[in-house]
Amino acid sequence: MPEQEPLLPKHNNPEPLPVLPTQRTANRLAAILAALHNGKLPTQEQLDLLFGSILSLSLFHDLGRRTGVLSDRGRVVLLDIASLLQTFRELGNEKNGNVV
């Protein structure tokens, strides 16, 4: 490989970087983290909202497509994280969804 070639591959049509959470979502996350810091546990509704907000990030959309933005291993890791978050969300709703 010639020395002038870049180390990273060139992409003809790269996807935009993942969108950051909205200010509202960031505020909700901050409130949940503050409550945890003060020794309080989040409600199931708060956890459901948190997991849903994380899963709705563009980072988790279209993971099945091979776009070159993520390596195959990176894509597998994100799919596993999404699956884990969804599992925690469903488990919490099954166990605590009717608690008021």
N, C-alpha and C. Protein backbone atom coordinates (compact mmCIF):
# COMPACT_ATOMS: atom_id res chain seq x y z
N MET A 1 0.85 -1.17 0.00
CA MET A 1 0.00 0.00 0.00
C MET A 1 0.90 1.24 0.00
N PRO A 2 0.66 2.14 -0.93
CA PRO A 2 1.46 3.37 -0.96
C PRO A 2 1.27 4.18 0.32
N GLU A 3 2.29 4.92 0.68
CA GLU A 3 2.26 5.66 1.94
C GLU A 3 1.25 6.79 1.94
N GLN A 4 0.87 7.30 0.76
CA GLN A 4 -0.08 8.41 0.70
C GLN A 4 -1.53 7.97 0.86
N GLU A 5 -1.83 6.69 0.76
CA GLU A 5 -3.22 6.23 0.89
C GLU A 5 -3.66 6.31 2.35
N PRO A 6 -4.90 6.74 2.57
CA PRO A 6 -5.39 6.81 3.95
C PRO A 6 -5.58 5.42 4.52
N LEU A 7 -5.48 5.32 5.84
CA LEU A 7 -5.67 4.04 6.51
C LEU A 7 -7.13 3.63 6.53
N LEU A 8 -8.01 4.61 6.65
CA LEU A 8 -9.44 4.30 6.70
C LEU A 8 -10.00 4.24 5.29
N PRO A 9 -10.95 3.34 5.06
CA PRO A 9 -11.52 3.23 3.71
C PRO A 9 -12.35 4.46 3.37
N LYS A 10 -12.40 4.76 2.08
CA LYS A 10 -13.24 5.86 1.60
C LYS A 10 -14.63 5.30 1.34
N HIS A 11 -15.64 6.03 1.77
CA HIS A 11 -17.02 5.63 1.54
C HIS A 11 -17.65 6.59 0.55
N ASN A 12 -18.27 6.05 -0.48
CA ASN A 12 -18.91 6.90 -1.47
C ASN A 12 -20.14 7.60 -0.92
N ASN A 13 -20.87 6.91 -0.05
CA ASN A 13 -22.11 7.47 0.46
C ASN A 13 -22.24 7.16 1.95
N PRO A 14 -21.37 7.76 2.79
CA PRO A 14 -21.44 7.41 4.22
C PRO A 14 -22.72 7.92 4.84
N GLU A 15 -23.20 7.17 5.83
CA GLU A 15 -24.39 7.57 6.57
C GLU A 15 -24.00 8.65 7.57
N PRO A 16 -24.95 9.50 7.92
CA PRO A 16 -24.65 10.52 8.93
C PRO A 16 -24.39 9.86 10.28
N LEU A 17 -23.69 10.58 11.11
CA LEU A 17 -23.42 10.07 12.45
C LEU A 17 -24.73 9.93 13.22
N PRO A 18 -24.76 9.03 14.21
CA PRO A 18 -25.99 8.86 14.99
C PRO A 18 -26.45 10.17 15.61
N VAL A 19 -27.75 10.37 15.64
CA VAL A 19 -28.33 11.58 16.20
C VAL A 19 -28.31 11.47 17.72
N LEU A 20 -27.96 12.57 18.34
CA LEU A 20 -27.97 12.60 19.80
C LEU A 20 -29.40 12.63 20.31
N PRO A 21 -29.62 12.21 21.55
CA PRO A 21 -30.98 12.25 22.10
C PRO A 21 -31.48 13.70 22.15
N THR A 22 -32.78 13.84 22.13
CA THR A 22 -33.37 15.18 22.23
C THR A 22 -33.08 15.75 23.61
N GLN A 23 -33.26 17.05 23.75
CA GLN A 23 -33.05 17.70 25.05
C GLN A 23 -34.00 17.12 26.09
N ARG A 24 -35.22 16.83 25.68
CA ARG A 24 -36.21 16.26 26.60
C ARG A 24 -35.75 14.89 27.10
N THR A 25 -35.26 14.06 26.19
CA THR A 25 -34.76 12.74 26.59
C THR A 25 -33.55 12.87 27.50
N ALA A 26 -32.66 13.79 27.18
CA ALA A 26 -31.47 14.01 28.01
C ALA A 26 -31.87 14.48 29.41
N ASN A 27 -32.88 15.35 29.48
CA ASN A 27 -33.36 15.82 30.78
C ASN A 27 -33.96 14.68 31.60
N ARG A 28 -34.71 13.82 30.93
CA ARG A 28 -35.31 12.67 31.63
C ARG A 28 -34.22 11.74 32.16
N LEU A 29 -33.23 11.49 31.34
CA LEU A 29 -32.12 10.64 31.76
C LEU A 29 -31.40 11.26 32.95
N ALA A 30 -31.18 12.56 32.90
CA ALA A 30 -30.52 13.25 34.02
C ALA A 30 -31.34 13.13 35.30
N ALA A 31 -32.66 13.24 35.18
CA ALA A 31 -33.53 13.11 36.37
C ALA A 31 -33.44 11.70 36.95
N ILE A 32 -33.40 10.71 36.09
CA ILE A 32 -33.29 9.32 36.56
C ILE A 32 -31.95 9.10 37.25
N LEU A 33 -30.88 9.60 36.63
CA LEU A 33 -29.55 9.44 37.23
C LEU A 33 -29.45 10.18 38.56
N ALA A 34 -30.07 11.36 38.67
CA ALA A 34 -30.06 12.11 39.92
C ALA A 34 -30.79 11.34 41.02
N ALA A 35 -31.93 10.75 40.66
CA ALA A 35 -32.67 9.96 41.63
C ALA A 35 -31.85 8.76 42.10
N LEU A 36 -31.18 8.09 41.18
CA LEU A 36 -30.32 6.97 41.56
C LEU A 36 -29.21 7.42 42.50
N HIS A 37 -28.63 8.56 42.18
CA HIS A 37 -27.54 9.10 43.01
C HIS A 37 -28.04 9.40 44.43
N ASN A 38 -29.30 9.78 44.56
CA ASN A 38 -29.88 10.09 45.87
C ASN A 38 -30.46 8.86 46.56
N GLY A 39 -30.19 7.67 46.02
CA GLY A 39 -30.63 6.44 46.66
C GLY A 39 -32.04 6.01 46.32
N LYS A 40 -32.66 6.65 45.36
CA LYS A 40 -34.02 6.28 44.96
C LYS A 40 -33.95 5.39 43.73
N LEU A 41 -34.88 4.47 43.66
CA LEU A 41 -34.96 3.60 42.49
C LEU A 41 -35.99 4.15 41.53
N PRO A 42 -35.73 4.04 40.22
CA PRO A 42 -36.70 4.54 39.25
C PRO A 42 -37.95 3.66 39.23
N THR A 43 -39.07 4.26 38.84
CA THR A 43 -40.30 3.49 38.68
C THR A 43 -40.20 2.67 37.40
N GLN A 44 -41.09 1.73 37.26
CA GLN A 44 -41.11 0.94 36.04
C GLN A 44 -41.40 1.83 34.83
N GLU A 45 -42.26 2.81 35.03
CA GLU A 45 -42.57 3.74 33.93
C GLU A 45 -41.31 4.50 33.50
N GLN A 46 -40.51 4.93 34.47
CA GLN A 46 -39.27 5.64 34.14
C GLN A 46 -38.29 4.72 33.42
N LEU A 47 -38.17 3.48 33.90
CA LEU A 47 -37.28 2.53 33.24
C LEU A 47 -37.74 2.23 31.82
N ASP A 48 -39.04 2.05 31.66
CA ASP A 48 -39.60 1.78 30.34
C ASP A 48 -39.30 2.94 29.39
N LEU A 49 -39.47 4.14 29.89
CA LEU A 49 -39.19 5.34 29.09
C LEU A 49 -37.71 5.42 28.74
N LEU A 50 -36.86 5.14 29.70
CA LEU A 50 -35.42 5.17 29.47
C LEU A 50 -35.01 4.16 28.40
N PHE A 51 -35.44 2.92 28.58
CA PHE A 51 -35.07 1.89 27.60
C PHE A 51 -35.64 2.20 26.23
N GLY A 52 -36.88 2.69 26.20
CA GLY A 52 -37.49 3.05 24.92
C GLY A 52 -36.75 4.19 24.24
N SER A 53 -36.33 5.17 25.03
CA SER A 53 -35.60 6.31 24.48
C SER A 53 -34.25 5.87 23.91
N ILE A 54 -33.58 5.00 24.62
CA ILE A 54 -32.29 4.51 24.13
C ILE A 54 -32.49 3.71 22.85
N LEU A 55 -33.48 2.83 22.86
CA LEU A 55 -33.73 1.99 21.68
C LEU A 55 -34.21 2.78 20.47
N SER A 56 -34.75 3.98 20.70
CA SER A 56 -35.23 4.77 19.57
C SER A 56 -34.13 5.62 18.94
N LEU A 57 -32.95 5.63 19.52
CA LEU A 57 -31.83 6.38 18.93
C LEU A 57 -31.51 5.82 17.55
N SER A 58 -31.11 6.70 16.67
CA SER A 58 -30.79 6.27 15.31
C SER A 58 -29.65 5.27 15.28
N LEU A 59 -28.86 5.25 16.32
CA LEU A 59 -27.76 4.29 16.42
C LEU A 59 -28.26 2.85 16.30
N PHE A 60 -29.48 2.59 16.81
CA PHE A 60 -30.02 1.25 16.80
C PHE A 60 -30.89 0.95 15.59
N HIS A 61 -31.12 1.93 14.74
CA HIS A 61 -31.95 1.72 13.55
C HIS A 61 -31.10 1.15 12.42
N ASP A 62 -31.70 0.31 11.64
CA ASP A 62 -31.06 -0.25 10.44
C ASP A 62 -29.76 -0.98 10.74
N LEU A 63 -29.71 -1.66 11.87
CA LEU A 63 -28.49 -2.41 12.20
C LEU A 63 -28.30 -3.62 11.29
N GLY A 64 -29.37 -4.06 10.65
CA GLY A 64 -29.26 -5.21 9.76
C GLY A 64 -28.58 -4.88 8.44
N ARG A 65 -28.56 -3.59 8.10
CA ARG A 65 -27.93 -3.21 6.83
C ARG A 65 -26.42 -3.13 7.00
N ARG A 66 -25.74 -3.50 5.97
CA ARG A 66 -24.27 -3.38 5.98
C ARG A 66 -23.90 -2.08 5.29
N THR A 67 -23.60 -1.07 6.09
CA THR A 67 -23.33 0.25 5.53
C THR A 67 -21.86 0.61 5.59
N GLY A 68 -21.06 -0.13 6.31
CA GLY A 68 -19.66 0.22 6.44
C GLY A 68 -19.38 1.17 7.59
N VAL A 69 -20.45 1.69 8.23
CA VAL A 69 -20.25 2.59 9.36
C VAL A 69 -19.74 1.81 10.56
N LEU A 70 -20.29 0.62 10.75
CA LEU A 70 -19.86 -0.25 11.83
C LEU A 70 -19.23 -1.52 11.26
N SER A 71 -18.29 -2.05 11.99
CA SER A 71 -17.76 -3.35 11.60
C SER A 71 -18.82 -4.41 11.91
N ASP A 72 -18.61 -5.60 11.39
CA ASP A 72 -19.55 -6.69 11.69
C ASP A 72 -19.62 -6.94 13.19
N ARG A 73 -18.48 -6.90 13.86
CA ARG A 73 -18.46 -7.13 15.31
C ARG A 73 -19.17 -6.00 16.06
N GLY A 74 -18.97 -4.77 15.61
CA GLY A 74 -19.64 -3.63 16.23
C GLY A 74 -21.15 -3.73 16.08
N ARG A 75 -21.59 -4.18 14.90
CA ARG A 75 -23.02 -4.35 14.64
C ARG A 75 -23.59 -5.43 15.56
N VAL A 76 -22.85 -6.52 15.75
CA VAL A 76 -23.30 -7.61 16.63
C VAL A 76 -23.41 -7.11 18.06
N VAL A 77 -22.45 -6.31 18.49
CA VAL A 77 -22.48 -5.77 19.86
C VAL A 77 -23.71 -4.89 20.06
N LEU A 78 -23.99 -4.00 19.09
CA LEU A 78 -25.17 -3.13 19.22
C LEU A 78 -26.46 -3.93 19.18
N LEU A 79 -26.52 -4.96 18.34
CA LEU A 79 -27.71 -5.81 18.31
C LEU A 79 -27.90 -6.51 19.65
N ASP A 80 -26.81 -6.97 20.25
CA ASP A 80 -26.90 -7.61 21.56
C ASP A 80 -27.35 -6.63 22.64
N ILE A 81 -26.83 -5.40 22.59
CA ILE A 81 -27.24 -4.38 23.56
C ILE A 81 -28.73 -4.07 23.40
N ALA A 82 -29.17 -3.92 22.15
CA ALA A 82 -30.59 -3.63 21.89
C ALA A 82 -31.46 -4.78 22.40
N SER A 83 -31.02 -6.00 22.16
CA SER A 83 -31.77 -7.17 22.63
C SER A 83 -31.83 -7.22 24.16
N LEU A 84 -30.72 -6.90 24.79
CA LEU A 84 -30.67 -6.89 26.26
C LEU A 84 -31.58 -5.81 26.83
N LEU A 85 -31.54 -4.61 26.26
CA LEU A 85 -32.42 -3.53 26.73
C LEU A 85 -33.89 -3.89 26.55
N GLN A 86 -34.22 -4.47 25.40
CA GLN A 86 -35.60 -4.86 25.14
C GLN A 86 -36.05 -5.95 26.10
N THR A 87 -35.15 -6.88 26.41
CA THR A 87 -35.47 -7.96 27.35
C THR A 87 -35.72 -7.40 28.75
N PHE A 88 -34.85 -6.47 29.21
CA PHE A 88 -35.06 -5.84 30.51
C PHE A 88 -36.37 -5.07 30.54
N ARG A 89 -36.66 -4.40 29.44
CA ARG A 89 -37.90 -3.62 29.34
C ARG A 89 -39.12 -4.53 29.47
N GLU A 90 -39.12 -5.62 28.73
CA GLU A 90 -40.24 -6.57 28.75
C GLU A 90 -40.36 -7.25 30.12
N LEU A 91 -39.23 -7.66 30.68
CA LEU A 91 -39.24 -8.31 31.99
C LEU A 91 -39.81 -7.38 33.05
N GLY A 92 -39.36 -6.15 33.06
CA GLY A 92 -39.87 -5.18 34.03
C GLY A 92 -41.36 -4.94 33.87
N ASN A 93 -41.80 -4.83 32.64
CA ASN A 93 -43.24 -4.60 32.40
C ASN A 93 -44.07 -5.80 32.79
N GLU A 94 -43.54 -7.00 32.59
CA GLU A 94 -44.27 -8.21 33.00
C GLU A 94 -44.34 -8.31 34.52
N LYS A 95 -43.25 -7.99 35.19
CA LYS A 95 -43.20 -8.14 36.65
C LYS A 95 -43.82 -6.95 37.39
N ASN A 96 -43.63 -5.75 36.85
CA ASN A 96 -44.02 -4.55 37.60
C ASN A 96 -44.98 -3.64 36.86
N GLY A 97 -45.45 -4.05 35.71
CA GLY A 97 -46.29 -3.18 34.89
C GLY A 97 -47.59 -2.77 35.55
N ASN A 98 -48.10 -3.59 36.46
CA ASN A 98 -49.37 -3.26 37.10
C ASN A 98 -49.20 -2.62 38.48
N VAL A 99 -47.97 -2.37 38.89
CA VAL A 99 -47.71 -1.75 40.19
C VAL A 99 -47.91 -0.25 40.05
N VAL A 100 -48.71 0.31 40.96
CA VAL A 100 -48.99 1.76 40.91
C VAL A 100 -48.25 2.46 42.02
